[in-house]
Protein backbone atom coordinates (compact mmCIF):
# COMPACT_ATOMS: atom_id res chain seq x y z
CA MET A 1 1.23 -21.36 46.42
CA GLU A 2 4.86 -19.83 47.59
CA MET A 3 7.24 -21.54 46.95
CA PRO A 4 10.13 -22.72 49.29
CA GLU A 5 13.26 -20.96 49.67
CA TYR A 6 15.38 -23.76 50.13
CA PRO A 7 17.61 -25.34 48.39
CA MET A 8 18.99 -22.14 47.10
CA ARG A 9 21.45 -21.79 44.77
CA ILE A 10 24.98 -20.85 46.18
CA ASN A 11 25.42 -16.86 44.54
CA ARG A 12 21.85 -15.89 45.38
CA TYR A 13 22.52 -17.46 49.15
CA LEU A 14 25.10 -15.07 49.32
CA ALA A 15 23.53 -11.80 47.55
CA LYS A 16 20.31 -12.48 50.12
CA ARG A 17 22.84 -12.07 53.00
CA ASN A 18 24.24 -8.49 51.52
CA PHE A 19 27.41 -9.93 51.26
CA CYS A 20 28.17 -9.37 47.40
CA SER A 21 26.00 -9.11 44.06
CA ARG A 22 25.32 -12.69 42.43
CA ARG A 23 27.84 -12.09 39.63
CA GLU A 24 30.15 -11.10 42.79
CA ALA A 25 29.50 -14.27 44.17
CA ASP A 26 29.77 -16.50 40.58
CA GLY A 27 33.45 -14.66 40.52
CA LEU A 28 34.35 -15.75 44.22
CA ILE A 29 32.72 -19.28 43.81
CA GLU A 30 35.41 -19.51 39.82
CA LYS A 31 38.18 -18.81 42.35
CA GLY A 32 37.66 -21.62 44.86
CA LEU A 33 37.26 -18.58 47.55
CA VAL A 34 33.56 -20.35 48.68
CA THR A 35 32.70 -23.66 51.11
CA ILE A 36 29.87 -25.28 51.64
CA ASN A 37 30.66 -27.79 54.84
CA GLY A 38 34.01 -27.68 54.17
CA LYS A 39 34.12 -28.25 50.66
CA LYS A 40 35.07 -25.58 47.84
CA ALA A 41 31.75 -24.35 46.36
CA VAL A 42 30.94 -25.01 42.28
CA LEU A 43 28.95 -22.71 40.44
CA GLY A 44 25.68 -23.48 40.33
CA ALA A 45 25.68 -25.19 43.86
CA LYS A 46 22.74 -25.59 46.33
CA VAL A 47 22.27 -24.76 49.78
CA ASN A 48 20.09 -25.87 52.39
CA GLU A 49 19.14 -24.15 56.05
CA GLU A 50 21.23 -25.87 57.63
CA ASP A 51 24.37 -25.97 55.52
CA LYS A 52 27.69 -24.33 56.68
CA VAL A 53 28.85 -21.58 54.31
CA GLU A 54 32.37 -19.79 54.60
CA ILE A 55 33.74 -17.14 52.64
CA ASN A 56 38.11 -17.04 52.85
CA THR A 57 37.88 -13.18 53.68
CA LYS A 58 41.61 -12.83 54.45
CA ASN A 59 41.87 -13.43 50.59
CA LYS A 60 42.15 -10.23 49.93
CA ALA A 61 39.97 -10.62 46.70
CA THR A 62 37.06 -11.26 48.51
CA ILE A 63 37.25 -7.62 50.11
CA LYS A 64 36.07 -5.15 47.59
CA HIS A 65 36.44 -1.36 48.14
CA ARG A 66 32.92 -0.46 47.19
CA GLN A 67 31.94 3.40 46.41
CA TYR A 68 28.98 5.24 46.26
CA PHE A 69 28.75 8.84 44.25
CA ALA A 70 26.39 11.58 43.86
CA TYR A 71 26.84 12.20 40.61
CA TYR A 72 24.93 16.00 38.28
CA LYS A 73 23.49 13.95 34.85
CA PRO A 74 23.28 17.25 32.03
CA ILE A 75 20.80 17.12 29.99
CA GLY A 76 21.63 15.45 26.37
CA VAL A 77 23.66 12.71 28.37
CA ILE A 78 22.20 9.27 28.26
CA THR A 79 22.19 7.21 31.12
CA HIS A 80 22.71 3.83 29.83
CA SER A 81 23.12 2.24 26.75
CA PRO A 82 23.93 5.38 24.19
CA GLU A 83 23.95 4.98 20.46
CA GLU A 84 25.95 5.88 18.07
CA GLY A 85 26.44 9.98 17.91
CA GLN A 86 25.17 9.72 21.24
CA GLN A 87 27.02 10.90 24.82
CA GLY A 88 26.51 8.33 27.78
CA ILE A 89 28.15 8.83 31.33
CA GLU A 90 31.21 6.94 30.43
CA ASP A 91 31.86 9.42 27.64
CA VAL A 92 31.77 12.90 29.93
CA ALA A 93 32.31 11.70 33.48
CA ASN A 94 35.49 10.69 35.09
CA PHE A 95 34.45 7.17 36.18
CA SER A 96 36.01 3.64 36.28
CA PRO A 97 34.53 1.17 34.14
CA GLU A 98 33.69 -0.79 37.41
CA PHE A 99 30.73 1.69 38.13
CA PHE A 100 27.31 2.09 37.04
CA PRO A 101 24.25 4.31 37.01
CA LEU A 102 21.33 3.40 39.50
CA GLY A 103 18.08 4.20 37.43
CA ARG A 104 17.36 6.14 34.69
CA LEU A 105 16.95 10.06 33.71
CA ASP A 106 15.72 10.23 30.39
CA LYS A 107 18.20 12.70 27.53
CA ASP A 108 16.13 16.12 28.43
CA SER A 109 15.82 15.27 32.02
CA HIS A 110 18.71 16.22 34.63
CA GLY A 111 20.24 15.94 38.30
CA LEU A 112 21.12 13.35 40.64
CA ILE A 113 22.22 10.20 39.63
CA ILE A 114 23.62 7.81 42.18
CA MET A 115 26.61 5.89 40.70
CA THR A 116 28.32 3.13 42.45
CA ASN A 117 30.53 -0.04 42.21
CA ASP A 118 27.96 -2.00 44.46
CA GLY A 119 25.62 -4.67 43.06
CA ARG A 120 24.24 -5.31 45.92
CA ILE A 121 22.06 -2.52 45.91
CA THR A 122 20.80 -2.11 42.38
CA ASP A 123 17.56 -4.32 43.11
CA LYS A 124 17.15 -3.17 46.96
CA LEU A 125 16.85 0.44 45.53
CA LEU A 126 14.95 0.52 41.81
CA ASN A 127 12.29 -2.47 43.09
CA PRO A 128 8.75 -0.99 42.80
CA LYS A 129 8.05 -2.83 45.91
CA TYR A 130 9.84 -1.01 47.92
CA GLU A 131 9.35 2.69 47.84
CA HIS A 132 11.85 4.72 47.88
CA GLU A 133 10.86 8.46 47.78
CA LYS A 134 12.67 10.36 44.39
CA GLU A 135 12.05 14.12 44.11
CA TYR A 136 11.92 16.16 41.00
CA VAL A 137 11.06 19.68 40.43
CA VAL A 138 9.75 20.39 37.26
CA ARG A 139 8.73 23.47 35.07
CA VAL A 140 5.53 23.49 32.60
CA ASN A 141 4.45 25.22 29.62
CA LYS A 142 1.67 27.19 31.41
CA LYS A 143 0.64 28.40 34.61
CA ILE A 144 -0.34 25.68 36.68
CA ASN A 145 -4.04 25.42 39.14
CA ASN A 146 -5.14 23.44 41.83
CA PHE A 147 -6.85 20.87 39.45
CA PHE A 148 -3.46 20.05 37.90
CA ILE A 149 -1.93 19.82 41.60
CA ARG A 150 -5.00 17.62 43.21
CA HIS A 151 -4.76 15.30 40.14
CA MET A 152 -0.89 14.61 40.08
CA SER A 153 -1.01 14.38 43.78
CA GLU A 154 -4.33 11.78 43.67
CA GLY A 155 -2.82 9.48 40.51
CA ILE A 156 -3.82 9.62 36.95
CA ASP A 157 -4.58 6.79 34.49
CA LEU A 158 -2.23 6.21 31.97
CA GLU A 159 -2.63 4.13 28.79
CA ASP A 160 -0.94 1.11 30.90
CA PHE A 161 -1.03 1.90 34.52
CA ARG A 162 -2.82 4.33 36.91
CA THR A 163 0.13 6.33 39.09
CA LYS A 164 0.54 5.84 42.88
CA MET A 165 -0.25 9.21 45.34
CA ALA A 166 2.34 11.40 44.84
CA THR A 167 3.27 14.63 47.25
CA VAL A 168 3.14 17.87 45.25
CA GLU A 169 3.56 21.17 46.03
CA LYS A 170 3.37 23.91 43.66
CA ILE A 171 6.45 26.03 44.04
CA GLY A 172 6.38 28.63 41.20
CA GLU A 173 3.82 29.78 38.37
CA GLN A 174 4.81 27.15 35.99
CA VAL A 175 6.91 25.23 38.76
CA PHE A 176 5.99 22.48 41.34
CA ARG A 177 8.07 19.91 42.78
CA ILE A 178 7.11 15.68 43.12
CA VAL A 179 8.11 13.09 45.40
CA LEU A 180 7.19 10.01 43.57
CA VAL A 181 7.97 6.13 45.50
CA GLU A 182 7.66 4.55 41.57
CA GLY A 183 9.99 5.24 38.16
CA LYS A 184 8.02 4.16 35.39
CA LYS A 185 9.47 5.45 32.34
CA HIS A 186 8.62 8.83 31.21
CA GLN A 187 6.17 9.43 34.41
CA ILE A 188 5.96 13.28 35.06
CA ARG A 189 6.07 13.52 31.30
CA ARG A 190 2.93 11.27 30.40
CA MET A 191 1.49 12.46 33.58
CA CYS A 192 1.67 15.95 32.73
CA THR A 193 0.63 15.22 29.63
CA ALA A 194 -2.46 13.92 30.26
CA LEU A 195 -3.60 16.66 32.09
CA GLY A 196 -2.76 18.80 28.54
CA TYR A 197 0.22 20.34 29.86
CA GLU A 198 4.37 19.80 28.56
CA VAL A 199 7.20 19.46 30.60
CA VAL A 200 9.77 22.62 29.94
CA ASP A 201 12.68 21.00 32.63
CA LEU A 202 12.77 17.94 35.14
CA LYS A 203 15.23 17.90 37.47
CA ARG A 204 15.97 15.27 39.99
CA VAL A 205 17.07 16.62 43.31
CA ARG A 206 16.34 13.72 45.84
CA VAL A 207 16.96 10.01 46.36
CA MET A 208 15.63 9.37 49.81
CA ASN A 209 17.82 10.50 51.75
CA LEU A 210 20.78 11.70 49.52
CA LYS A 211 19.80 14.96 47.70
CA LEU A 212 21.75 16.88 44.68
CA GLY A 213 22.67 20.21 46.75
CA SER A 214 25.26 22.41 45.25
CA LEU A 215 26.51 19.97 42.72
CA LYS A 216 26.20 21.57 39.26
CA PRO A 217 26.45 19.46 35.52
CA ASN A 218 29.01 16.60 35.34
CA GLN A 219 29.95 17.19 38.87
CA LYS A 220 30.32 14.50 41.50
CA LYS A 221 30.99 13.93 45.16
CA GLU A 222 31.37 11.04 46.96
CA ILE A 223 28.86 9.82 49.56
CA LYS A 224 30.55 8.52 52.65
CA GLU A 225 29.98 8.63 56.96
CA GLU A 226 26.24 9.48 58.35
CA GLU A 227 24.63 9.96 55.00
CA LEU A 228 26.24 6.59 53.40
CA GLU A 229 24.91 4.47 56.43
CA ILE A 230 21.42 6.03 56.39
CA PHE A 231 21.19 5.55 52.48
CA LEU A 232 22.57 1.73 53.09
CA LYS A 233 20.54 0.97 56.27
CA SER A 234 17.41 2.33 54.69
CA LEU A 235 18.34 -0.26 51.71
CA GLU A 236 18.58 -3.01 54.61
CA ILE A 237 22.52 -3.51 53.45
CA ILE A 238 23.98 -2.96 57.18
């Protein structure tokens, strides 16, 4: 039985309307910049569908300069929570502390990571129910045959799940391109292992409409204008 949406917590209400993330909403509420039916909202307050919610957009605290970057994560760099002796993105790339990576690439993989300070898009990009495309170029340790391509495309039974259908294209004797709409931990490596292959090199080259392009390891470029508009529209942010 589906639970009714209302009453809804005020921070969830603002997040669902793509004004800000839940955490950002809590910050605005704490600063007294959000009202419900003319009264200042408090943390944890709930709203009904007919309630009038307003945000003081004249206050500079509500205007966040959101930015988005395509970043080429090098091999050996940890995407999230590096341990002692390991290098994280924050150690090698010149991003301010408010920026964070969307998704993961394991230590031995390299390629495109989206860096942003916009918490609104985290779930909309990473939640597997949305099935956003991610494209990889993979080199394996021996020649690729038709059996390999067919099974990588149709899905493989791993220990804990079966992979979804994927678009797979052989582009070299030992190199293939794969487009996934899911992203389980070490998925491509596990798929190859299940078919008797080992991954020698794995590079992510595209996330949705955003491409790695000519970026080199540890380089970044800001995503803006038409490219950004297409990306945000696909995520239903705008």
